[in-house]
Amino acid sequence: MALVYFTDRGIEELASRRGDDEVTIDWLAERFRVFVDLNPEFETPIERLATWLARLDDDED
């Protein structure tokens, strides 16, 4: 049985509502900034997500 996380519902909603949208990294970065301004308690997880996304293509050591 596959693990299902609570966040999967949000990810599924994002895909169903915005799946056909095309966005830029600048747009996404601005949405992250607005979200953290409104929800400062999520600064660390958003920073980690942004860093992870930024480094996806880095060679793994």
N, C-alpha and C. Protein backbone atom coordinates (compact mmCIF):
# COMPACT_ATOMS: atom_id res chain seq x y z
N MET A 1 0.84 -1.19 0.00
CA MET A 1 0.00 0.00 0.00
C MET A 1 0.88 1.25 0.00
N ALA A 2 0.63 2.17 -0.91
CA ALA A 2 1.41 3.39 -1.02
C ALA A 2 1.01 4.38 0.08
N LEU A 3 2.00 5.09 0.57
CA LEU A 3 1.72 6.12 1.56
C LEU A 3 0.99 7.28 0.90
N VAL A 4 0.01 7.81 1.56
CA VAL A 4 -0.71 8.98 1.09
C VAL A 4 -0.57 10.05 2.16
N TYR A 5 -0.02 11.16 1.79
CA TYR A 5 0.18 12.26 2.72
C TYR A 5 -0.96 13.24 2.61
N PHE A 6 -1.20 13.97 3.67
CA PHE A 6 -2.24 15.00 3.66
C PHE A 6 -2.02 15.98 2.52
N THR A 7 -0.73 16.29 2.23
CA THR A 7 -0.43 17.25 1.16
C THR A 7 -0.85 16.76 -0.21
N ASP A 8 -1.03 15.45 -0.36
CA ASP A 8 -1.45 14.93 -1.66
C ASP A 8 -2.76 15.55 -2.12
N ARG A 9 -3.66 15.82 -1.19
CA ARG A 9 -4.94 16.45 -1.57
C ARG A 9 -4.71 17.82 -2.18
N GLY A 10 -3.84 18.60 -1.57
CA GLY A 10 -3.53 19.93 -2.11
C GLY A 10 -2.84 19.85 -3.45
N ILE A 11 -1.94 18.89 -3.58
CA ILE A 11 -1.23 18.71 -4.86
C ILE A 11 -2.22 18.28 -5.93
N GLU A 12 -3.13 17.38 -5.60
CA GLU A 12 -4.15 16.95 -6.56
C GLU A 12 -5.06 18.11 -6.96
N GLU A 13 -5.43 18.95 -5.99
CA GLU A 13 -6.26 20.11 -6.32
C GLU A 13 -5.51 21.07 -7.23
N LEU A 14 -4.23 21.29 -6.93
CA LEU A 14 -3.41 22.16 -7.78
C LEU A 14 -3.38 21.63 -9.21
N ALA A 15 -3.15 20.34 -9.36
CA ALA A 15 -3.08 19.75 -10.70
C ALA A 15 -4.42 19.84 -11.43
N SER A 16 -5.52 19.61 -10.70
CA SER A 16 -6.82 19.64 -11.37
C SER A 16 -7.25 21.06 -11.73
N ARG A 17 -6.90 22.04 -10.87
CA ARG A 17 -7.32 23.42 -11.14
C ARG A 17 -6.37 24.16 -12.07
N ARG A 18 -5.08 23.86 -11.99
CA ARG A 18 -4.07 24.62 -12.73
C ARG A 18 -3.27 23.78 -13.71
N GLY A 19 -3.66 22.52 -13.89
CA GLY A 19 -2.87 21.60 -14.70
C GLY A 19 -2.63 22.03 -16.13
N ASP A 20 -3.51 22.84 -16.69
CA ASP A 20 -3.34 23.30 -18.06
C ASP A 20 -2.63 24.65 -18.14
N ASP A 21 -2.39 25.28 -16.99
CA ASP A 21 -1.72 26.59 -16.97
C ASP A 21 -0.23 26.46 -17.28
N GLU A 22 0.32 27.49 -17.88
CA GLU A 22 1.76 27.60 -18.04
C GLU A 22 2.20 28.77 -17.17
N VAL A 23 3.20 28.53 -16.33
CA VAL A 23 3.68 29.58 -15.44
C VAL A 23 5.19 29.71 -15.58
N THR A 24 5.68 30.87 -15.21
CA THR A 24 7.12 31.10 -15.22
C THR A 24 7.66 30.88 -13.82
N ILE A 25 8.95 30.72 -13.73
CA ILE A 25 9.60 30.61 -12.43
C ILE A 25 9.44 31.92 -11.67
N ASP A 26 9.49 33.04 -12.38
CA ASP A 26 9.28 34.34 -11.72
C ASP A 26 7.89 34.41 -11.08
N TRP A 27 6.87 33.91 -11.77
CA TRP A 27 5.52 33.90 -11.22
C TRP A 27 5.47 33.04 -9.97
N LEU A 28 6.06 31.84 -10.05
CA LEU A 28 6.07 30.94 -8.90
C LEU A 28 6.82 31.55 -7.72
N ALA A 29 7.96 32.16 -7.98
CA ALA A 29 8.74 32.80 -6.91
C ALA A 29 7.92 33.90 -6.24
N GLU A 30 7.19 34.67 -7.03
CA GLU A 30 6.36 35.73 -6.44
C GLU A 30 5.24 35.14 -5.59
N ARG A 31 4.63 34.04 -6.04
CA ARG A 31 3.59 33.38 -5.23
C ARG A 31 4.18 32.88 -3.91
N PHE A 32 5.40 32.34 -3.96
CA PHE A 32 6.07 31.92 -2.72
C PHE A 32 6.25 33.10 -1.78
N ARG A 33 6.70 34.24 -2.33
CA ARG A 33 6.92 35.44 -1.49
C ARG A 33 5.62 35.91 -0.84
N VAL A 34 4.56 35.97 -1.62
CA VAL A 34 3.26 36.40 -1.09
C VAL A 34 2.79 35.42 -0.01
N PHE A 35 2.92 34.13 -0.27
CA PHE A 35 2.50 33.13 0.71
C PHE A 35 3.26 33.30 2.02
N VAL A 36 4.57 33.49 1.96
CA VAL A 36 5.36 33.64 3.18
C VAL A 36 5.03 34.95 3.88
N ASP A 37 4.75 36.02 3.12
CA ASP A 37 4.32 37.27 3.75
C ASP A 37 3.04 37.07 4.54
N LEU A 38 2.12 36.29 4.00
CA LEU A 38 0.84 36.04 4.66
C LEU A 38 0.94 34.96 5.74
N ASN A 39 1.93 34.08 5.63
CA ASN A 39 2.09 32.93 6.53
C ASN A 39 3.55 32.77 6.93
N PRO A 40 4.09 33.70 7.71
CA PRO A 40 5.52 33.67 8.02
C PRO A 40 5.98 32.39 8.72
N GLU A 41 5.07 31.68 9.36
CA GLU A 41 5.46 30.44 10.02
C GLU A 41 5.89 29.36 9.03
N PHE A 42 5.59 29.55 7.75
CA PHE A 42 5.98 28.60 6.71
C PHE A 42 7.24 29.02 5.96
N GLU A 43 7.95 30.01 6.46
CA GLU A 43 9.16 30.50 5.78
C GLU A 43 10.17 29.38 5.54
N THR A 44 10.46 28.58 6.57
CA THR A 44 11.47 27.53 6.42
C THR A 44 11.05 26.46 5.42
N PRO A 45 9.83 25.91 5.48
CA PRO A 45 9.47 24.90 4.47
C PRO A 45 9.46 25.46 3.04
N ILE A 46 9.02 26.71 2.87
CA ILE A 46 9.02 27.30 1.53
C ILE A 46 10.44 27.52 1.04
N GLU A 47 11.32 27.94 1.94
CA GLU A 47 12.73 28.12 1.57
C GLU A 47 13.33 26.78 1.16
N ARG A 48 13.02 25.73 1.89
CA ARG A 48 13.54 24.40 1.55
C ARG A 48 13.00 23.91 0.22
N LEU A 49 11.71 24.13 -0.03
CA LEU A 49 11.12 23.73 -1.30
C LEU A 49 11.75 24.50 -2.45
N ALA A 50 11.88 25.80 -2.30
CA ALA A 50 12.47 26.63 -3.36
C ALA A 50 13.91 26.21 -3.64
N THR A 51 14.68 25.94 -2.59
CA THR A 51 16.06 25.50 -2.77
C THR A 51 16.11 24.14 -3.45
N TRP A 52 15.24 23.24 -3.04
CA TRP A 52 15.19 21.91 -3.66
C TRP A 52 14.86 22.03 -5.16
N LEU A 53 13.86 22.86 -5.49
CA LEU A 53 13.50 23.06 -6.90
C LEU A 53 14.66 23.69 -7.68
N ALA A 54 15.33 24.64 -7.06
CA ALA A 54 16.44 25.32 -7.74
C ALA A 54 17.59 24.37 -8.05
N ARG A 55 17.77 23.36 -7.23
CA ARG A 55 18.93 22.47 -7.36
C ARG A 55 18.61 21.12 -7.99
N LEU A 56 17.42 20.94 -8.55
CA LEU A 56 17.03 19.65 -9.12
C LEU A 56 18.02 19.11 -10.14
N ASP A 57 18.59 19.97 -10.95
CA ASP A 57 19.48 19.51 -12.02
C ASP A 57 20.93 19.43 -11.60
N ASP A 58 21.25 19.77 -10.34
CA ASP A 58 22.63 19.66 -9.86
C ASP A 58 23.06 18.20 -9.86
N ASP A 59 24.32 18.00 -10.17
CA ASP A 59 24.86 16.64 -10.10
C ASP A 59 24.86 16.18 -8.65
N GLU A 60 24.41 14.96 -8.45
CA GLU A 60 24.44 14.40 -7.11
C GLU A 60 25.85 13.87 -6.83
N ASP A 61 26.34 14.19 -5.65
CA ASP A 61 27.70 13.73 -5.29
C ASP A 61 27.69 12.34 -4.74
